[in-house]
N, C-alpha and C. Protein backbone atom coordinates (compact mmCIF):
# COMPACT_ATOMS: atom_id res chain seq x y z
N MET A 1 0.82 -1.18 0.00
CA MET A 1 0.00 0.00 0.00
C MET A 1 0.86 1.24 0.00
N TYR A 2 0.48 2.22 -0.77
CA TYR A 2 1.19 3.50 -0.82
C TYR A 2 0.52 4.48 0.12
N VAL A 3 1.22 5.55 0.47
CA VAL A 3 0.66 6.60 1.30
C VAL A 3 -0.51 7.22 0.53
N GLY A 4 -1.63 7.41 1.20
CA GLY A 4 -2.79 8.02 0.56
C GLY A 4 -3.66 7.02 -0.19
N GLU A 5 -3.28 5.77 -0.16
CA GLU A 5 -4.05 4.75 -0.86
C GLU A 5 -5.21 4.30 0.01
N HIS A 6 -6.35 4.11 -0.61
CA HIS A 6 -7.54 3.66 0.11
C HIS A 6 -8.15 2.49 -0.64
N VAL A 7 -8.35 1.38 0.04
CA VAL A 7 -8.86 0.17 -0.59
C VAL A 7 -10.24 -0.14 -0.02
N TYR A 8 -11.16 -0.43 -0.92
CA TYR A 8 -12.50 -0.85 -0.54
C TYR A 8 -13.03 -1.78 -1.62
N LEU A 9 -14.18 -2.38 -1.37
CA LEU A 9 -14.78 -3.28 -2.34
C LEU A 9 -15.98 -2.62 -2.98
N GLU A 10 -16.18 -2.90 -4.24
CA GLU A 10 -17.37 -2.45 -4.94
C GLU A 10 -17.92 -3.64 -5.71
N VAL A 11 -19.12 -4.04 -5.35
CA VAL A 11 -19.76 -5.17 -6.01
C VAL A 11 -20.67 -4.63 -7.08
N VAL A 12 -20.52 -5.15 -8.29
CA VAL A 12 -21.32 -4.71 -9.43
C VAL A 12 -22.09 -5.91 -9.96
N GLU A 13 -23.41 -5.80 -9.93
CA GLU A 13 -24.24 -6.86 -10.50
C GLU A 13 -24.81 -6.34 -11.80
N LYS A 14 -24.47 -7.01 -12.86
CA LYS A 14 -24.96 -6.61 -14.17
C LYS A 14 -26.32 -7.26 -14.39
N THR A 15 -27.34 -6.42 -14.40
CA THR A 15 -28.70 -6.91 -14.61
C THR A 15 -29.04 -6.81 -16.09
N SER A 16 -30.28 -6.74 -16.40
CA SER A 16 -30.71 -6.64 -17.79
C SER A 16 -30.25 -5.33 -18.41
N PRO A 17 -30.13 -5.26 -19.75
CA PRO A 17 -29.67 -4.03 -20.42
C PRO A 17 -30.57 -2.82 -20.13
N GLU A 18 -31.85 -3.05 -19.89
CA GLU A 18 -32.75 -1.93 -19.61
C GLU A 18 -32.48 -1.31 -18.24
N LYS A 19 -32.19 -2.15 -17.25
CA LYS A 19 -31.98 -1.67 -15.88
C LYS A 19 -30.54 -1.24 -15.62
N GLY A 20 -29.62 -1.72 -16.43
CA GLY A 20 -28.21 -1.37 -16.22
C GLY A 20 -27.56 -2.27 -15.19
N GLU A 21 -26.78 -1.67 -14.30
CA GLU A 21 -26.09 -2.44 -13.28
C GLU A 21 -26.36 -1.86 -11.90
N ILE A 22 -26.25 -2.71 -10.90
CA ILE A 22 -26.44 -2.32 -9.51
C ILE A 22 -25.07 -2.33 -8.84
N ARG A 23 -24.71 -1.21 -8.21
CA ARG A 23 -23.43 -1.08 -7.53
C ARG A 23 -23.65 -1.01 -6.02
N VAL A 24 -22.78 -1.70 -5.28
CA VAL A 24 -22.80 -1.67 -3.83
C VAL A 24 -21.36 -1.47 -3.35
N VAL A 25 -21.16 -0.48 -2.48
CA VAL A 25 -19.85 -0.20 -1.90
C VAL A 25 -19.75 -0.91 -0.57
N ILE A 26 -18.61 -1.56 -0.33
CA ILE A 26 -18.34 -2.23 0.95
C ILE A 26 -17.06 -1.64 1.52
N GLU A 27 -17.19 -0.96 2.66
CA GLU A 27 -16.05 -0.39 3.37
C GLU A 27 -15.94 -1.10 4.71
N LEU A 28 -14.84 -1.81 4.92
CA LEU A 28 -14.69 -2.64 6.10
C LEU A 28 -14.36 -1.88 7.38
N ASN A 29 -13.89 -0.66 7.27
CA ASN A 29 -13.49 0.12 8.44
C ASN A 29 -14.12 1.51 8.38
N PHE A 30 -15.42 1.56 8.17
CA PHE A 30 -16.12 2.81 7.87
C PHE A 30 -16.09 3.80 9.03
N ARG A 31 -16.45 3.37 10.20
CA ARG A 31 -16.52 4.29 11.36
C ARG A 31 -15.17 4.94 11.63
N ALA A 32 -14.11 4.17 11.54
CA ALA A 32 -12.77 4.69 11.84
C ALA A 32 -12.33 5.79 10.86
N GLU A 33 -12.91 5.83 9.67
CA GLU A 33 -12.56 6.86 8.70
C GLU A 33 -12.97 8.26 9.17
N PHE A 34 -13.90 8.35 10.12
CA PHE A 34 -14.43 9.64 10.56
C PHE A 34 -14.12 9.97 12.02
N GLU A 35 -13.46 9.08 12.75
CA GLU A 35 -13.16 9.34 14.16
C GLU A 35 -12.09 10.42 14.29
N MET A 36 -12.23 11.23 15.36
CA MET A 36 -11.27 12.29 15.64
C MET A 36 -10.88 12.23 17.11
N ALA A 37 -9.65 12.58 17.41
CA ALA A 37 -9.15 12.51 18.79
C ALA A 37 -9.80 13.55 19.69
N ARG A 38 -9.95 14.77 19.25
CA ARG A 38 -10.47 15.85 20.09
C ARG A 38 -11.86 16.29 19.67
N ALA A 39 -12.70 15.35 19.34
CA ALA A 39 -14.04 15.67 18.87
C ALA A 39 -14.96 16.03 20.04
N SER A 40 -16.01 16.75 19.73
CA SER A 40 -17.00 17.10 20.75
C SER A 40 -17.88 15.89 21.04
N GLN A 41 -18.64 15.96 22.13
CA GLN A 41 -19.54 14.86 22.48
C GLN A 41 -20.60 14.67 21.40
N GLU A 42 -21.08 15.77 20.86
CA GLU A 42 -22.10 15.71 19.81
C GLU A 42 -21.58 14.95 18.58
N TYR A 43 -20.35 15.27 18.19
CA TYR A 43 -19.75 14.59 17.03
C TYR A 43 -19.51 13.11 17.33
N ASN A 44 -19.02 12.81 18.52
CA ASN A 44 -18.78 11.42 18.89
C ASN A 44 -20.07 10.60 18.91
N LYS A 45 -21.17 11.22 19.36
CA LYS A 45 -22.46 10.52 19.33
C LYS A 45 -22.87 10.21 17.90
N LEU A 46 -22.64 11.17 17.01
CA LEU A 46 -22.97 10.96 15.60
C LEU A 46 -22.14 9.82 15.01
N ILE A 47 -20.87 9.78 15.35
CA ILE A 47 -19.97 8.73 14.85
C ILE A 47 -20.40 7.36 15.38
N GLN A 48 -20.87 7.30 16.61
CA GLN A 48 -21.29 6.02 17.18
C GLN A 48 -22.49 5.43 16.45
N TRP A 49 -23.25 6.27 15.77
CA TRP A 49 -24.39 5.78 14.98
C TRP A 49 -23.94 5.10 13.69
N LEU A 50 -22.71 5.36 13.28
CA LEU A 50 -22.21 4.77 12.03
C LEU A 50 -21.94 3.28 12.21
N PRO A 51 -22.16 2.50 11.17
CA PRO A 51 -21.80 1.09 11.25
C PRO A 51 -20.29 0.91 11.13
N GLU A 52 -19.77 -0.13 11.72
CA GLU A 52 -18.34 -0.43 11.59
C GLU A 52 -18.03 -0.80 10.13
N VAL A 53 -18.92 -1.55 9.51
CA VAL A 53 -18.78 -1.96 8.12
C VAL A 53 -19.92 -1.33 7.33
N TYR A 54 -19.58 -0.57 6.28
CA TYR A 54 -20.60 0.04 5.43
C TYR A 54 -20.86 -0.85 4.23
N VAL A 55 -22.12 -1.16 4.00
CA VAL A 55 -22.54 -1.87 2.80
C VAL A 55 -23.74 -1.11 2.27
N GLY A 56 -23.60 -0.47 1.13
CA GLY A 56 -24.71 0.31 0.59
C GLY A 56 -24.39 0.89 -0.76
N LYS A 57 -25.38 1.58 -1.29
CA LYS A 57 -25.25 2.19 -2.62
C LYS A 57 -24.37 3.44 -2.55
N PRO A 58 -23.69 3.75 -3.65
CA PRO A 58 -22.82 4.93 -3.67
C PRO A 58 -23.57 6.24 -3.41
N GLU A 59 -24.81 6.34 -3.87
CA GLU A 59 -25.59 7.56 -3.66
C GLU A 59 -25.80 7.83 -2.17
N ARG A 60 -26.08 6.79 -1.42
CA ARG A 60 -26.28 6.95 0.02
C ARG A 60 -24.96 7.31 0.70
N LEU A 61 -23.87 6.71 0.25
CA LEU A 61 -22.56 7.02 0.81
C LEU A 61 -22.22 8.49 0.60
N ARG A 62 -22.55 9.05 -0.56
CA ARG A 62 -22.30 10.47 -0.82
C ARG A 62 -23.03 11.34 0.19
N ASN A 63 -24.28 11.01 0.49
CA ASN A 63 -25.06 11.79 1.46
C ASN A 63 -24.48 11.69 2.87
N VAL A 64 -24.07 10.48 3.26
CA VAL A 64 -23.48 10.28 4.59
C VAL A 64 -22.18 11.08 4.72
N ILE A 65 -21.37 11.05 3.69
CA ILE A 65 -20.10 11.79 3.70
C ILE A 65 -20.36 13.29 3.85
N LYS A 66 -21.34 13.80 3.13
CA LYS A 66 -21.65 15.23 3.20
C LYS A 66 -22.08 15.63 4.61
N ILE A 67 -22.91 14.82 5.23
CA ILE A 67 -23.38 15.11 6.60
C ILE A 67 -22.22 15.06 7.59
N LEU A 68 -21.39 14.02 7.49
CA LEU A 68 -20.30 13.84 8.45
C LEU A 68 -19.23 14.91 8.30
N CYS A 69 -18.93 15.30 7.07
CA CYS A 69 -17.92 16.35 6.87
C CYS A 69 -18.44 17.69 7.38
N GLY A 70 -19.72 17.95 7.21
CA GLY A 70 -20.32 19.18 7.75
C GLY A 70 -20.25 19.19 9.26
N ALA A 71 -20.54 18.04 9.87
CA ALA A 71 -20.47 17.93 11.33
C ALA A 71 -19.04 18.09 11.84
N ALA A 72 -18.06 17.54 11.13
CA ALA A 72 -16.65 17.68 11.53
C ALA A 72 -16.22 19.14 11.44
N LYS A 73 -16.65 19.82 10.39
CA LYS A 73 -16.31 21.23 10.22
C LYS A 73 -16.90 22.07 11.36
N LYS A 74 -18.15 21.80 11.71
CA LYS A 74 -18.82 22.51 12.80
C LYS A 74 -18.12 22.23 14.13
N CYS A 75 -17.75 20.98 14.36
CA CYS A 75 -17.07 20.58 15.60
C CYS A 75 -15.74 21.31 15.75
N MET A 76 -14.95 21.35 14.69
CA MET A 76 -13.65 22.00 14.75
C MET A 76 -13.79 23.51 14.91
N LYS A 77 -14.82 24.08 14.29
CA LYS A 77 -15.04 25.52 14.42
C LYS A 77 -15.42 25.88 15.85
N GLU A 78 -16.28 25.06 16.48
CA GLU A 78 -16.67 25.29 17.86
C GLU A 78 -15.49 25.19 18.82
N LYS A 79 -14.56 24.29 18.52
CA LYS A 79 -13.38 24.11 19.37
C LYS A 79 -12.24 25.06 18.99
N LYS A 80 -12.50 25.91 17.99
CA LYS A 80 -11.51 26.87 17.48
C LYS A 80 -10.22 26.17 17.07
N MET A 81 -10.40 25.07 16.34
CA MET A 81 -9.27 24.30 15.84
C MET A 81 -9.31 24.28 14.31
N HIS A 82 -8.16 24.05 13.72
CA HIS A 82 -8.04 23.96 12.27
C HIS A 82 -8.60 22.63 11.79
N LEU A 83 -9.35 22.65 10.70
CA LEU A 83 -9.87 21.44 10.09
C LEU A 83 -8.83 20.95 9.07
N GLY A 84 -8.25 19.79 9.32
CA GLY A 84 -7.23 19.25 8.43
C GLY A 84 -7.79 19.00 7.03
N PRO A 85 -6.97 19.12 6.01
CA PRO A 85 -7.45 18.91 4.65
C PRO A 85 -7.98 17.50 4.42
N TRP A 86 -7.51 16.53 5.16
CA TRP A 86 -7.97 15.16 5.01
C TRP A 86 -9.37 14.95 5.60
N ARG A 87 -9.92 15.97 6.26
CA ARG A 87 -11.27 15.90 6.82
C ARG A 87 -12.28 16.69 5.99
N LYS A 88 -11.81 17.39 4.97
CA LYS A 88 -12.70 18.21 4.15
C LYS A 88 -13.49 17.33 3.19
N HIS A 89 -14.66 17.84 2.79
CA HIS A 89 -15.61 17.07 2.00
C HIS A 89 -15.00 16.50 0.72
N LYS A 90 -14.31 17.32 -0.05
CA LYS A 90 -13.75 16.86 -1.33
C LYS A 90 -12.72 15.75 -1.13
N TYR A 91 -11.90 15.88 -0.12
CA TYR A 91 -10.86 14.88 0.14
C TYR A 91 -11.49 13.56 0.56
N VAL A 92 -12.44 13.62 1.50
CA VAL A 92 -13.09 12.39 1.99
C VAL A 92 -13.87 11.73 0.87
N GLN A 93 -14.55 12.51 0.06
CA GLN A 93 -15.32 11.96 -1.04
C GLN A 93 -14.40 11.29 -2.07
N ALA A 94 -13.20 11.82 -2.24
CA ALA A 94 -12.25 11.25 -3.20
C ALA A 94 -11.79 9.85 -2.80
N LYS A 95 -11.91 9.49 -1.52
CA LYS A 95 -11.54 8.14 -1.10
C LYS A 95 -12.35 7.09 -1.82
N TRP A 96 -13.65 7.38 -2.01
CA TRP A 96 -14.53 6.38 -2.62
C TRP A 96 -14.93 6.73 -4.05
N PHE A 97 -14.78 7.99 -4.44
CA PHE A 97 -15.26 8.40 -5.76
C PHE A 97 -14.22 9.10 -6.60
N GLY A 98 -12.96 9.07 -6.19
CA GLY A 98 -11.90 9.70 -6.95
C GLY A 98 -11.41 8.80 -8.07
N GLN A 99 -10.34 9.20 -8.72
CA GLN A 99 -9.76 8.37 -9.77
C GLN A 99 -9.18 7.12 -9.15
N CYS A 100 -9.46 5.99 -9.74
CA CYS A 100 -8.93 4.75 -9.19
C CYS A 100 -8.81 3.71 -10.30
N THR A 101 -8.10 2.66 -9.99
CA THR A 101 -8.00 1.54 -10.91
C THR A 101 -8.78 0.39 -10.32
N GLU A 102 -9.11 -0.56 -11.14
CA GLU A 102 -9.92 -1.68 -10.68
C GLU A 102 -9.19 -3.00 -10.87
N SER A 103 -9.39 -3.88 -9.92
CA SER A 103 -9.03 -5.28 -10.08
C SER A 103 -10.34 -6.03 -10.04
N ILE A 104 -10.75 -6.58 -11.15
CA ILE A 104 -12.05 -7.22 -11.22
C ILE A 104 -11.89 -8.72 -11.06
N VAL A 105 -12.63 -9.26 -10.11
CA VAL A 105 -12.64 -10.69 -9.87
C VAL A 105 -14.01 -11.18 -10.29
N THR A 106 -14.06 -12.04 -11.25
CA THR A 106 -15.36 -12.55 -11.70
C THR A 106 -15.49 -14.01 -11.31
N ALA A 107 -16.70 -14.41 -11.05
CA ALA A 107 -16.97 -15.80 -10.70
C ALA A 107 -17.43 -16.54 -11.95
N ASN A 108 -17.29 -17.85 -11.93
CA ASN A 108 -17.68 -18.67 -13.08
C ASN A 108 -19.18 -18.91 -13.15
N THR A 109 -19.85 -18.82 -12.02
CA THR A 109 -21.28 -19.10 -12.03
C THR A 109 -22.06 -17.86 -12.41
N ALA A 110 -23.21 -18.06 -12.99
CA ALA A 110 -24.04 -16.94 -13.45
C ALA A 110 -24.70 -16.21 -12.28
N THR A 111 -24.79 -16.84 -11.12
CA THR A 111 -25.47 -16.23 -9.97
C THR A 111 -24.57 -15.31 -9.17
N SER A 112 -23.26 -15.41 -9.33
CA SER A 112 -22.34 -14.59 -8.54
C SER A 112 -22.01 -13.30 -9.28
N PRO A 113 -22.07 -12.15 -8.60
CA PRO A 113 -21.70 -10.89 -9.25
C PRO A 113 -20.18 -10.75 -9.34
N ALA A 114 -19.74 -9.86 -10.21
CA ALA A 114 -18.32 -9.54 -10.30
C ALA A 114 -17.97 -8.60 -9.16
N VAL A 115 -16.79 -8.75 -8.59
CA VAL A 115 -16.34 -7.90 -7.50
C VAL A 115 -15.15 -7.09 -8.01
N ALA A 116 -15.23 -5.78 -7.85
CA ALA A 116 -14.14 -4.91 -8.27
C ALA A 116 -13.49 -4.32 -7.03
N VAL A 117 -12.22 -4.59 -6.82
CA VAL A 117 -11.48 -4.00 -5.71
C VAL A 117 -10.81 -2.76 -6.28
N LYS A 118 -11.15 -1.59 -5.71
CA LYS A 118 -10.65 -0.34 -6.28
C LYS A 118 -9.56 0.25 -5.39
N TYR A 119 -8.54 0.80 -6.03
CA TYR A 119 -7.49 1.49 -5.29
C TYR A 119 -6.90 2.55 -6.20
N PRO A 120 -6.50 3.69 -5.63
CA PRO A 120 -5.99 4.79 -6.44
C PRO A 120 -4.60 4.49 -6.98
N GLU A 121 -4.26 5.17 -8.06
CA GLU A 121 -2.92 5.07 -8.64
C GLU A 121 -1.93 5.71 -7.67
N PRO A 122 -0.74 5.12 -7.50
CA PRO A 122 0.26 5.75 -6.64
C PRO A 122 0.66 7.12 -7.20
N GLN A 123 0.80 8.10 -6.31
CA GLN A 123 1.09 9.46 -6.72
C GLN A 123 2.59 9.76 -6.78
N PHE A 124 3.42 8.86 -6.28
CA PHE A 124 4.84 9.11 -6.25
C PHE A 124 5.59 7.80 -6.43
N LYS A 125 6.86 7.93 -6.75
CA LYS A 125 7.73 6.75 -6.86
C LYS A 125 8.61 6.69 -5.62
N PRO A 126 8.85 5.49 -5.08
CA PRO A 126 9.74 5.40 -3.92
C PRO A 126 11.15 5.88 -4.29
N ARG A 127 11.78 6.59 -3.36
CA ARG A 127 13.12 7.12 -3.60
C ARG A 127 14.08 6.63 -2.52
N ALA A 128 15.33 6.60 -2.85
CA ALA A 128 16.36 6.24 -1.87
C ALA A 128 17.01 7.53 -1.37
N SER A 129 17.30 7.58 -0.10
CA SER A 129 17.97 8.75 0.44
C SER A 129 19.47 8.46 0.56
N MET A 130 20.23 9.46 0.96
CA MET A 130 21.66 9.28 1.15
C MET A 130 21.92 8.28 2.28
N LEU A 131 21.07 8.22 3.27
CA LEU A 131 21.23 7.27 4.37
C LEU A 131 21.13 5.84 3.84
N THR A 132 20.19 5.61 2.96
CA THR A 132 19.99 4.28 2.41
C THR A 132 21.19 3.83 1.60
N LEU A 133 21.76 4.73 0.80
CA LEU A 133 22.88 4.37 -0.06
C LEU A 133 24.10 3.96 0.77
N SER A 134 24.41 4.69 1.81
CA SER A 134 25.57 4.33 2.62
C SER A 134 25.30 3.05 3.40
N LEU A 135 24.11 2.83 3.82
CA LEU A 135 23.75 1.61 4.53
C LEU A 135 23.87 0.40 3.60
N LEU A 136 23.42 0.55 2.36
CA LEU A 136 23.51 -0.54 1.40
C LEU A 136 24.96 -0.94 1.12
N ASP A 137 25.87 0.05 1.07
CA ASP A 137 27.29 -0.24 0.83
C ASP A 137 27.86 -1.09 1.96
N LYS A 138 27.47 -0.82 3.20
CA LYS A 138 27.99 -1.55 4.34
C LYS A 138 27.40 -2.96 4.45
N LEU A 139 26.18 -3.14 3.94
CA LEU A 139 25.50 -4.42 4.10
C LEU A 139 25.60 -5.34 2.88
N GLN A 140 26.43 -5.02 1.92
CA GLN A 140 26.49 -5.83 0.70
C GLN A 140 26.86 -7.29 0.98
N GLY A 141 27.78 -7.54 1.86
CA GLY A 141 28.19 -8.91 2.15
C GLY A 141 27.34 -9.59 3.20
N ALA A 142 26.51 -8.86 3.90
CA ALA A 142 25.70 -9.43 4.99
C ALA A 142 24.43 -10.06 4.43
N ASN A 143 23.83 -10.95 5.22
CA ASN A 143 22.59 -11.59 4.82
C ASN A 143 21.39 -10.81 5.39
N CYS A 144 21.41 -9.51 5.28
CA CYS A 144 20.33 -8.66 5.79
C CYS A 144 19.74 -7.86 4.64
N GLN A 145 18.51 -7.43 4.85
CA GLN A 145 17.88 -6.55 3.88
C GLN A 145 17.82 -5.15 4.48
N ALA A 146 18.15 -4.16 3.67
CA ALA A 146 18.09 -2.79 4.14
C ALA A 146 16.70 -2.24 3.86
N VAL A 147 16.23 -1.39 4.73
CA VAL A 147 14.94 -0.74 4.55
C VAL A 147 15.20 0.65 4.00
N ALA A 148 14.50 1.02 2.96
CA ALA A 148 14.70 2.33 2.35
C ALA A 148 14.08 3.39 3.22
N VAL A 149 14.82 4.45 3.49
CA VAL A 149 14.34 5.59 4.26
C VAL A 149 14.01 6.68 3.27
N VAL A 150 12.79 7.16 3.32
CA VAL A 150 12.38 8.19 2.38
C VAL A 150 12.01 9.46 3.09
């Protein structure tokens, strides 16, 4: 996993050509995506209403995200704290609706839907620092693996 990468499941059932397809988003750690360390009691009560695992349509997820980001903004404003960019509506919405690639797993039976595991493209390439290069020179003959420091 890369920094900023978000993995979730999206189940797509292809129905008849007239109806199109039915999409369902599955997020295994939904509540934790919205928890905050210094949240108000009101915000924490709202978060406790969230399911640990979200299974639902993308349209409903958009509405939930909008409500929760508004509540987070209000909570931080009341506490006179800065709202981090990772808590803003556009950023949170991009986790599930931003640009991403798909790994599609299809089943052989006609009754099973295809499952698409979505994850965003990595935004950067791993780099080696000067510390890593000198460490690698010292460890060439050893049976150890060096960890890249970035």
